[in-house]
Amino acid sequence: MEDRRKHQRTDREEPGYISSGGACWSCTVINISAEGAAIALADPTLVPDRFLLMILKDRRVFNCRLAWAQRHRIGVTFEPSPDVPAEKTHPLKTDA
């Protein structure tokens, strides 16, 4: 199968949280790229079209748009945020 991704993905397997409208769900960030991520969670049907994703380890926050959902995984596209400085949202930058 041909990989049609524009950006290389980095495997993460890190805990995170999805937040929207006062609700919060725990999740695991499976992999991440400059444009988006794949996320595992118990019930993808609860996730709205747009939400915030926080990666627990480094507390980076991303505005996300749902791209696809399958079983216990979703794919997201990162959207720019005027409220969060770019150095806090770059998906491949870590402070560790």
PDB file of N, CA and C in Angstrom:
ATOM      1  N   MET A   1       0.836  -1.177   0.000  1.00  0.00           N
ATOM      2  CA  MET A   1       0.000   0.000   0.000  1.00  0.00           C
ATOM      3  C   MET A   1       0.884   1.244   0.000  1.00  0.00           C
ATOM      4  N   GLU A   2       0.590   2.182  -0.866  1.00  0.00           N
ATOM      5  CA  GLU A   2       1.369   3.406  -0.999  1.00  0.00           C
ATOM      6  C   GLU A   2       1.003   4.401   0.102  1.00  0.00           C
ATOM      7  N   ASP A   3       2.005   4.984   0.744  1.00  0.00           N
ATOM      8  CA  ASP A   3       1.794   6.003   1.767  1.00  0.00           C
ATOM      9  C   ASP A   3       1.685   7.356   1.075  1.00  0.00           C
ATOM     10  N   ARG A   4       0.501   7.996   1.173  1.00  0.00           N
ATOM     11  CA  ARG A   4       0.261   9.254   0.477  1.00  0.00           C
ATOM     12  C   ARG A   4       0.395  10.470   1.384  1.00  0.00           C
ATOM     13  N   ARG A   5       0.962  10.314   2.557  1.00  0.00           N
ATOM     14  CA  ARG A   5       1.110  11.426   3.484  1.00  0.00           C
ATOM     15  C   ARG A   5       2.115  12.446   2.966  1.00  0.00           C
ATOM     16  N   LYS A   6       1.818  13.717   3.203  1.00  0.00           N
ATOM     17  CA  LYS A   6       2.717  14.796   2.793  1.00  0.00           C
ATOM     18  C   LYS A   6       3.898  14.928   3.744  1.00  0.00           C
ATOM     19  N   HIS A   7       3.674  14.630   5.044  1.00  0.00           N
ATOM     20  CA  HIS A   7       4.702  14.790   6.059  1.00  0.00           C
ATOM     21  C   HIS A   7       4.953  13.461   6.764  1.00  0.00           C
ATOM     22  N   GLN A   8       6.202  13.221   7.094  1.00  0.00           N
ATOM     23  CA  GLN A   8       6.567  12.005   7.806  1.00  0.00           C
ATOM     24  C   GLN A   8       5.968  12.022   9.210  1.00  0.00           C
ATOM     25  N   ARG A   9       5.491  10.871   9.657  1.00  0.00           N
ATOM     26  CA  ARG A   9       4.930  10.751  11.002  1.00  0.00           C
ATOM     27  C   ARG A   9       5.977  10.235  11.975  1.00  0.00           C
ATOM     28  N   THR A  10       5.855  10.677  13.225  1.00  0.00           N
ATOM     29  CA  THR A  10       6.712  10.217  14.297  1.00  0.00           C
ATOM     30  C   THR A  10       5.855   9.447  15.284  1.00  0.00           C
ATOM     31  N   ASP A  11       6.229   8.203  15.576  1.00  0.00           N
ATOM     32  CA  ASP A  11       5.481   7.411  16.554  1.00  0.00           C
ATOM     33  C   ASP A  11       5.656   8.019  17.933  1.00  0.00           C
ATOM     34  N   ARG A  12       4.549   8.096  18.710  1.00  0.00           N
ATOM     35  CA  ARG A  12       4.598   8.739  20.019  1.00  0.00           C
ATOM     36  C   ARG A  12       4.143   7.812  21.152  1.00  0.00           C
ATOM     37  N   GLU A  13       2.934   7.256  21.045  1.00  0.00           N
ATOM     38  CA  GLU A  13       2.352   6.437  22.116  1.00  0.00           C
ATOM     39  C   GLU A  13       2.379   7.193  23.444  1.00  0.00           C
ATOM     40  N   GLU A  14       1.846   8.423  23.440  1.00  0.00           N
ATOM     41  CA  GLU A  14       1.843   9.264  24.636  1.00  0.00           C
ATOM     42  C   GLU A  14       0.415   9.595  25.051  1.00  0.00           C
ATOM     43  N   PRO A  15       0.153   9.654  26.360  1.00  0.00           N
ATOM     44  CA  PRO A  15      -1.184  10.000  26.828  1.00  0.00           C
ATOM     45  C   PRO A  15      -1.521  11.459  26.544  1.00  0.00           C
ATOM     46  N   GLY A  16      -2.807  11.702  26.329  1.00  0.00           N
ATOM     47  CA  GLY A  16      -3.279  13.053  26.080  1.00  0.00           C
ATOM     48  C   GLY A  16      -4.737  13.184  26.464  1.00  0.00           C
ATOM     49  N   TYR A  17      -5.277  14.366  26.201  1.00  0.00           N
ATOM     50  CA  TYR A  17      -6.683  14.639  26.478  1.00  0.00           C
ATOM     51  C   TYR A  17      -7.298  15.396  25.321  1.00  0.00           C
ATOM     52  N   ILE A  18      -8.533  15.059  25.026  1.00  0.00           N
ATOM     53  CA  ILE A  18      -9.342  15.772  24.056  1.00  0.00           C
ATOM     54  C   ILE A  18     -10.360  16.570  24.844  1.00  0.00           C
ATOM     55  N   SER A  19     -10.529  17.848  24.486  1.00  0.00           N
ATOM     56  CA  SER A  19     -11.441  18.714  25.221  1.00  0.00           C
ATOM     57  C   SER A  19     -12.318  19.491  24.258  1.00  0.00           C
ATOM     58  N   SER A  20     -13.617  19.561  24.580  1.00  0.00           N
ATOM     59  CA  SER A  20     -14.550  20.346  23.780  1.00  0.00           C
ATOM     60  C   SER A  20     -15.817  20.602  24.573  1.00  0.00           C
ATOM     61  N   GLY A  21     -16.252  21.836  24.579  1.00  0.00           N
ATOM     62  CA  GLY A  21     -17.516  22.186  25.206  1.00  0.00           C
ATOM     63  C   GLY A  21     -17.635  21.778  26.664  1.00  0.00           C
ATOM     64  N   GLY A  22     -16.552  21.790  27.395  1.00  0.00           N
ATOM     65  CA  GLY A  22     -16.567  21.424  28.802  1.00  0.00           C
ATOM     66  C   GLY A  22     -16.387  19.940  29.069  1.00  0.00           C
ATOM     67  N   ALA A  23     -16.418  19.126  28.030  1.00  0.00           N
ATOM     68  CA  ALA A  23     -16.198  17.678  28.174  1.00  0.00           C
ATOM     69  C   ALA A  23     -14.728  17.373  27.922  1.00  0.00           C
ATOM     70  N   CYS A  24     -14.244  16.270  28.499  1.00  0.00           N
ATOM     71  CA  CYS A  24     -12.849  15.880  28.359  1.00  0.00           C
ATOM     72  C   CYS A  24     -12.750  14.361  28.272  1.00  0.00           C
ATOM     73  N   TRP A  25     -11.948  13.862  27.324  1.00  0.00           N
ATOM     74  CA  TRP A  25     -11.752  12.427  27.152  1.00  0.00           C
ATOM     75  C   TRP A  25     -10.260  12.133  27.163  1.00  0.00           C
ATOM     76  N   SER A  26      -9.864  11.055  27.820  1.00  0.00           N
ATOM     77  CA  SER A  26      -8.465  10.647  27.758  1.00  0.00           C
ATOM     78  C   SER A  26      -8.229   9.926  26.431  1.00  0.00           C
ATOM     79  N   CYS A  27      -6.992  10.004  25.956  1.00  0.00           N
ATOM     80  CA  CYS A  27      -6.648   9.398  24.675  1.00  0.00           C
ATOM     81  C   CYS A  27      -5.163   9.077  24.667  1.00  0.00           C
ATOM     82  N   THR A  28      -4.726   8.436  23.599  1.00  0.00           N
ATOM     83  CA  THR A  28      -3.306   8.171  23.377  1.00  0.00           C
ATOM     84  C   THR A  28      -2.941   8.675  21.997  1.00  0.00           C
ATOM     85  N   VAL A  29      -1.931   9.530  21.919  1.00  0.00           N
ATOM     86  CA  VAL A  29      -1.436  10.016  20.635  1.00  0.00           C
ATOM     87  C   VAL A  29      -0.534   8.924  20.071  1.00  0.00           C
ATOM     88  N   ILE A  30      -0.987   8.296  18.998  1.00  0.00           N
ATOM     89  CA  ILE A  30      -0.272   7.168  18.391  1.00  0.00           C
ATOM     90  C   ILE A  30       0.910   7.656  17.561  1.00  0.00           C
ATOM     91  N   ASN A  31       0.642   8.610  16.684  1.00  0.00           N
ATOM     92  CA  ASN A  31       1.715   9.206  15.887  1.00  0.00           C
ATOM     93  C   ASN A  31       1.339  10.636  15.564  1.00  0.00           C
ATOM     94  N   ILE A  32       2.350  11.395  15.126  1.00  0.00           N
ATOM     95  CA  ILE A  32       2.145  12.823  14.912  1.00  0.00           C
ATOM     96  C   ILE A  32       3.028  13.300  13.768  1.00  0.00           C
ATOM     97  N   SER A  33       2.546  14.301  13.043  1.00  0.00           N
ATOM     98  CA  SER A  33       3.329  14.931  11.983  1.00  0.00           C
ATOM     99  C   SER A  33       3.137  16.440  12.101  1.00  0.00           C
ATOM    100  N   ALA A  34       3.703  17.188  11.178  1.00  0.00           N
ATOM    101  CA  ALA A  34       3.548  18.637  11.186  1.00  0.00           C
ATOM    102  C   ALA A  34       2.107  19.050  10.914  1.00  0.00           C
ATOM    103  N   GLU A  35       1.339  18.204  10.248  1.00  0.00           N
ATOM    104  CA  GLU A  35      -0.034  18.552   9.877  1.00  0.00           C
ATOM    105  C   GLU A  35      -1.114  17.918  10.738  1.00  0.00           C
ATOM    106  N   GLY A  36      -0.816  16.829  11.438  1.00  0.00           N
ATOM    107  CA  GLY A  36      -1.876  16.158  12.181  1.00  0.00           C
ATOM    108  C   GLY A  36      -1.374  14.986  12.990  1.00  0.00           C
ATOM    109  N   ALA A  37      -2.334  14.166  13.445  1.00  0.00           N
ATOM    110  CA  ALA A  37      -1.987  13.044  14.312  1.00  0.00           C
ATOM    111  C   ALA A  37      -3.025  11.933  14.192  1.00  0.00           C
ATOM    112  N   ALA A  38      -2.618  10.754  14.642  1.00  0.00           N
ATOM    113  CA  ALA A  38      -3.548   9.636  14.820  1.00  0.00           C
ATOM    114  C   ALA A  38      -3.677   9.436  16.323  1.00  0.00           C
ATOM    115  N   ILE A  39      -4.911   9.268  16.777  1.00  0.00           N
ATOM    116  CA  ILE A  39      -5.204   9.212  18.203  1.00  0.00           C
ATOM    117  C   ILE A  39      -6.080   8.008  18.488  1.00  0.00           C
ATOM    118  N   ALA A  40      -5.770   7.292  19.564  1.00  0.00           N
ATOM    119  CA  ALA A  40      -6.595   6.161  20.002  1.00  0.00           C
ATOM    120  C   ALA A  40      -7.423   6.613  21.209  1.00  0.00           C
ATOM    121  N   LEU A  41      -8.699   6.221  21.234  1.00  0.00           N
ATOM    122  CA  LEU A  41      -9.564   6.526  22.360  1.00  0.00           C
ATOM    123  C   LEU A  41     -10.718   5.536  22.402  1.00  0.00           C
ATOM    124  N   ALA A  42     -11.373   5.453  23.542  1.00  0.00           N
ATOM    125  CA  ALA A  42     -12.396   4.438  23.768  1.00  0.00           C
ATOM    126  C   ALA A  42     -13.591   4.568  22.827  1.00  0.00           C
ATOM    127  N   ASP A  43     -14.109   5.780  22.630  1.00  0.00           N
ATOM    128  CA  ASP A  43     -15.311   5.953  21.820  1.00  0.00           C
ATOM    129  C   ASP A  43     -15.192   7.168  20.904  1.00  0.00           C
ATOM    130  N   PRO A  44     -14.701   6.977  19.688  1.00  0.00           N
ATOM    131  CA  PRO A  44     -14.530   8.091  18.756  1.00  0.00           C
ATOM    132  C   PRO A  44     -15.834   8.778  18.362  1.00  0.00           C
ATOM    133  N   THR A  45     -16.971   8.118  18.560  1.00  0.00           N
ATOM    134  CA  THR A  45     -18.247   8.729  18.169  1.00  0.00           C
ATOM    135  C   THR A  45     -18.587   9.937  19.033  1.00  0.00           C
ATOM    136  N   LEU A  46     -17.949  10.081  20.188  1.00  0.00           N
ATOM    137  CA  LEU A  46     -18.219  11.217  21.075  1.00  0.00           C
ATOM    138  C   LEU A  46     -17.442  12.471  20.681  1.00  0.00           C
ATOM    139  N   VAL A  47     -16.431  12.327  19.848  1.00  0.00           N
ATOM    140  CA  VAL A  47     -15.551  13.444  19.500  1.00  0.00           C
ATOM    141  C   VAL A  47     -16.230  14.335  18.457  1.00  0.00           C
ATOM    142  N   PRO A  48     -16.300  15.653  18.739  1.00  0.00           N
ATOM    143  CA  PRO A  48     -16.895  16.585  17.774  1.00  0.00           C
ATOM    144  C   PRO A  48     -15.955  16.867  16.597  1.00  0.00           C
ATOM    145  N   ASP A  49     -16.430  17.615  15.624  1.00  0.00           N
ATOM    146  CA  ASP A  49     -15.635  17.936  14.434  1.00  0.00           C
ATOM    147  C   ASP A  49     -14.399  18.776  14.742  1.00  0.00           C
ATOM    148  N   ARG A  50     -14.502  19.632  15.762  1.00  0.00           N
ATOM    149  CA  ARG A  50     -13.369  20.475  16.163  1.00  0.00           C
ATOM    150  C   ARG A  50     -13.215  20.397  17.671  1.00  0.00           C
ATOM    151  N   PHE A  51     -11.951  20.351  18.129  1.00  0.00           N
ATOM    152  CA  PHE A  51     -11.682  20.200  19.557  1.00  0.00           C
ATOM    153  C   PHE A  51     -10.238  20.579  19.854  1.00  0.00           C
ATOM    154  N   LEU A  52      -9.880  20.595  21.145  1.00  0.00           N
ATOM    155  CA  LEU A  52      -8.509  20.814  21.570  1.00  0.00           C
ATOM    156  C   LEU A  52      -7.888  19.480  21.964  1.00  0.00           C
ATOM    157  N   LEU A  53      -6.632  19.295  21.613  1.00  0.00           N
ATOM    158  CA  LEU A  53      -5.865  18.121  22.012  1.00  0.00           C
ATOM    159  C   LEU A  53      -4.695  18.619  22.850  1.00  0.00           C
ATOM    160  N   MET A  54      -4.503  18.020  24.031  1.00  0.00           N
ATOM    161  CA  MET A  54      -3.345  18.335  24.850  1.00  0.00           C
ATOM    162  C   MET A  54      -2.527  17.062  25.022  1.00  0.00           C
ATOM    163  N   ILE A  55      -1.235  17.135  24.682  1.00  0.00           N
ATOM    164  CA  ILE A  55      -0.325  16.026  24.931  1.00  0.00           C
ATOM    165  C   ILE A  55       0.186  16.196  26.356  1.00  0.00           C
ATOM    166  N   LEU A  56      -0.055  15.215  27.185  1.00  0.00           N
ATOM    167  CA  LEU A  56       0.203  15.316  28.613  1.00  0.00           C
ATOM    168  C   LEU A  56       1.672  15.563  28.956  1.00  0.00           C
ATOM    169  N   LYS A  57       2.575  14.845  28.284  1.00  0.00           N
ATOM    170  CA  LYS A  57       4.002  14.904  28.635  1.00  0.00           C
ATOM    171  C   LYS A  57       4.552  16.324  28.626  1.00  0.00           C
ATOM    172  N   ASP A  58       4.300  17.055  27.559  1.00  0.00           N
ATOM    173  CA  ASP A  58       4.863  18.402  27.447  1.00  0.00           C
ATOM    174  C   ASP A  58       3.793  19.495  27.467  1.00  0.00           C
ATOM    175  N   ARG A  59       2.558  19.100  27.683  1.00  0.00           N
ATOM    176  CA  ARG A  59       1.426  20.026  27.827  1.00  0.00           C
ATOM    177  C   ARG A  59       1.230  20.943  26.625  1.00  0.00           C
ATOM    178  N   ARG A  60       1.595  20.459  25.437  1.00  0.00           N
ATOM    179  CA  ARG A  60       1.328  21.225  24.221  1.00  0.00           C
ATOM    180  C   ARG A  60      -0.139  21.065  23.852  1.00  0.00           C
ATOM    181  N   VAL A  61      -0.737  22.155  23.364  1.00  0.00           N
ATOM    182  CA  VAL A  61      -2.162  22.173  23.024  1.00  0.00           C
ATOM    183  C   VAL A  61      -2.307  22.469  21.538  1.00  0.00           C
ATOM    184  N   PHE A  62      -3.218  21.723  20.878  1.00  0.00           N
ATOM    185  CA  PHE A  62      -3.458  21.885  19.450  1.00  0.00           C
ATOM    186  C   PHE A  62      -4.946  22.063  19.186  1.00  0.00           C
ATOM    187  N   ASN A  63      -5.276  22.997  18.301  1.00  0.00           N
ATOM    188  CA  ASN A  63      -6.629  23.066  17.759  1.00  0.00           C
ATOM    189  C   ASN A  63      -6.704  21.991  16.690  1.00  0.00           C
ATOM    190  N   CYS A  64      -7.709  21.130  16.765  1.00  0.00           N
ATOM    191  CA  CYS A  64      -7.802  20.010  15.836  1.00  0.00           C
ATOM    192  C   CYS A  64      -9.137  19.982  15.101  1.00  0.00           C
ATOM    193  N   ARG A  65      -9.085  19.447  13.897  1.00  0.00           N
ATOM    194  CA  ARG A  65     -10.279  19.166  13.107  1.00  0.00           C
ATOM    195  C   ARG A  65     -10.265  17.669  12.807  1.00  0.00           C
ATOM    196  N   LEU A  66     -11.374  17.019  13.065  1.00  0.00           N
ATOM    197  CA  LEU A  66     -11.492  15.586  12.816  1.00  0.00           C
ATOM    198  C   LEU A  66     -11.390  15.313  11.320  1.00  0.00           C
ATOM    199  N   ALA A  67     -10.495  14.406  10.927  1.00  0.00           N
ATOM    200  CA  ALA A  67     -10.299  14.064   9.518  1.00  0.00           C
ATOM    201  C   ALA A  67     -10.930  12.709   9.182  1.00  0.00           C
ATOM    202  N   TRP A  68     -10.815  11.746  10.105  1.00  0.00           N
ATOM    203  CA  TRP A  68     -11.376  10.415   9.887  1.00  0.00           C
ATOM    204  C   TRP A  68     -11.545   9.706  11.226  1.00  0.00           C
ATOM    205  N   ALA A  69     -12.391   8.685  11.237  1.00  0.00           N
ATOM    206  CA  ALA A  69     -12.604   7.866  12.439  1.00  0.00           C
ATOM    207  C   ALA A  69     -12.788   6.411  12.025  1.00  0.00           C
ATOM    208  N   GLN A  70     -12.139   5.512  12.758  1.00  0.00           N
ATOM    209  CA  GLN A  70     -12.249   4.070  12.530  1.00  0.00           C
ATOM    210  C   GLN A  70     -12.124   3.359  13.867  1.00  0.00           C
ATOM    211  N   ARG A  71     -13.096   2.561  14.202  1.00  0.00           N
ATOM    212  CA  ARG A  71     -13.082   1.787  15.450  1.00  0.00           C
ATOM    213  C   ARG A  71     -12.680   2.631  16.640  1.00  0.00           C
ATOM    214  N   HIS A  72     -11.474   2.418  17.184  1.00  0.00           N
ATOM    215  CA  HIS A  72     -11.026   3.166  18.357  1.00  0.00           C
ATOM    216  C   HIS A  72      -9.915   4.159  18.038  1.00  0.00           C
ATOM    217  N   ARG A  73      -9.900   4.626  16.794  1.00  0.00           N
ATOM    218  CA  ARG A  73      -8.890   5.593  16.376  1.00  0.00           C
ATOM    219  C   ARG A  73      -9.524   6.715  15.570  1.00  0.00           C
ATOM    220  N   ILE A  74      -8.884   7.889  15.677  1.00  0.00           N
ATOM    221  CA  ILE A  74      -9.272   9.011  14.833  1.00  0.00           C
ATOM    222  C   ILE A  74      -8.012   9.634  14.243  1.00  0.00           C
ATOM    223  N   GLY A  75      -8.195  10.313  13.128  1.00  0.00           N
ATOM    224  CA  GLY A  75      -7.131  11.106  12.535  1.00  0.00           C
ATOM    225  C   GLY A  75      -7.540  12.562  12.624  1.00  0.00           C
ATOM    226  N   VAL A  76      -6.591  13.433  12.942  1.00  0.00           N
ATOM    227  CA  VAL A  76      -6.899  14.854  13.068  1.00  0.00           C
ATOM    228  C   VAL A  76      -5.945  15.688  12.243  1.00  0.00           C
ATOM    229  N   THR A  77      -6.417  16.851  11.850  1.00  0.00           N
ATOM    230  CA  THR A  77      -5.612  17.852  11.177  1.00  0.00           C
ATOM    231  C   THR A  77      -5.455  19.013  12.141  1.00  0.00           C
ATOM    232  N   PHE A  78      -4.216  19.504  12.294  1.00  0.00           N
ATOM    233  CA  PHE A  78      -3.979  20.651  13.162  1.00  0.00           C
ATOM    234  C   PHE A  78      -4.384  21.932  12.455  1.00  0.00           C
ATOM    235  N   GLU A  79      -5.023  22.828  13.215  1.00  0.00           N
ATOM    236  CA  GLU A  79      -5.423  24.129  12.693  1.00  0.00           C
ATOM    237  C   GLU A  79      -4.696  25.211  13.477  1.00  0.00           C
ATOM    238  N   PRO A  80      -4.374  26.340  12.851  1.00  0.00           N
ATOM    239  CA  PRO A  80      -3.677  27.416  13.561  1.00  0.00           C
ATOM    240  C   PRO A  80      -4.538  27.976  14.692  1.00  0.00           C
ATOM    241  N   SER A  81      -3.867  28.440  15.739  1.00  0.00           N
ATOM    242  CA  SER A  81      -4.566  29.035  16.870  1.00  0.00           C
ATOM    243  C   SER A  81      -3.990  30.406  17.168  1.00  0.00           C
ATOM    244  N   PRO A  82      -4.819  31.444  17.123  1.00  0.00           N
ATOM    245  CA  PRO A  82      -4.316  32.782  17.437  1.00  0.00           C
ATOM    246  C   PRO A  82      -4.003  32.948  18.929  1.00  0.00           C
ATOM    247  N   ASP A  83      -4.547  32.057  19.781  1.00  0.00           N
ATOM    248  CA  ASP A  83      -4.384  32.185  21.223  1.00  0.00           C
ATOM    249  C   ASP A  83      -3.173  31.440  21.778  1.00  0.00           C
ATOM    250  N   VAL A  84      -2.573  30.548  20.985  1.00  0.00           N
ATOM    251  CA  VAL A  84      -1.474  29.732  21.483  1.00  0.00           C
ATOM    252  C   VAL A  84      -0.228  30.020  20.654  1.00  0.00           C
ATOM    253  N   PRO A  85       0.877  30.448  21.283  1.00  0.00           N
ATOM    254  CA  PRO A  85       2.112  30.732  20.534  1.00  0.00           C
ATOM    255  C   PRO A  85       2.599  29.503  19.775  1.00  0.00           C
ATOM    256  N   ALA A  86       3.155  29.710  18.590  1.00  0.00           N
ATOM    257  CA  ALA A  86       3.590  28.606  17.728  1.00  0.00           C
ATOM    258  C   ALA A  86       4.586  27.683  18.416  1.00  0.00           C
ATOM    259  N   GLU A  87       5.471  28.229  19.273  1.00  0.00           N
ATOM    260  CA  GLU A  87       6.454  27.370  19.924  1.00  0.00           C
ATOM    261  C   GLU A  87       5.806  26.403  20.904  1.00  0.00           C
ATOM    262  N   LYS A  88       4.580  26.647  21.324  1.00  0.00           N
ATOM    263  CA  LYS A  88       3.866  25.743  22.231  1.00  0.00           C
ATOM    264  C   LYS A  88       3.057  24.694  21.475  1.00  0.00           C
ATOM    265  N   THR A  89       2.928  24.859  20.163  1.00  0.00           N
ATOM    266  CA  THR A  89       2.086  23.933  19.410  1.00  0.00           C
ATOM    267  C   THR A  89       2.821  23.121  18.357  1.00  0.00           C
ATOM    268  N   HIS A  90       4.084  23.428  18.087  1.00  0.00           N
ATOM    269  CA  HIS A  90       4.773  22.677  17.043  1.00  0.00           C
ATOM    270  C   HIS A  90       4.798  21.203  17.426  1.00  0.00           C
ATOM    271  N   PRO A  91       4.194  20.339  16.612  1.00  0.00           N
ATOM    272  CA  PRO A  91       3.995  18.937  16.990  1.00  0.00           C
ATOM    273  C   PRO A  91       5.254  18.120  17.164  1.00  0.00           C
ATOM    274  N   LEU A  92       6.335  18.502  16.528  1.00  0.00           N
ATOM    275  CA  LEU A  92       7.537  17.675  16.629  1.00  0.00           C
ATOM    276  C   LEU A  92       8.589  18.286  17.544  1.00  0.00           C
ATOM    277  N   LYS A  93       8.316  19.436  18.123  1.00  0.00           N
ATOM    278  CA  LYS A  93       9.247  20.080  19.054  1.00  0.00           C
ATOM    279  C   LYS A  93       8.966  19.555  20.459  1.00  0.00           C
ATOM    280  N   THR A  94      10.007  19.160  21.151  1.00  0.00           N
ATOM    281  CA  THR A  94       9.860  18.741  22.539  1.00  0.00           C
ATOM    282  C   THR A  94      10.870  19.484  23.371  1.00  0.00           C
ATOM    283  N   ASP A  95      10.513  19.733  24.623  1.00  0.00           N
ATOM    284  CA  ASP A  95      11.416  20.422  25.528  1.00  0.00           C
ATOM    285  C   ASP A  95      12.230  19.444  26.354  1.00  0.00           C
ATOM    286  N   ALA A  96      11.990  18.157  26.168  1.00  0.00           N
ATOM    287  CA  ALA A  96      12.692  17.129  26.964  1.00  0.00           C
ATOM    288  C   ALA A  96      14.058  16.864  26.410  1.00  0.00           C
TER     289      ALA A  96
END
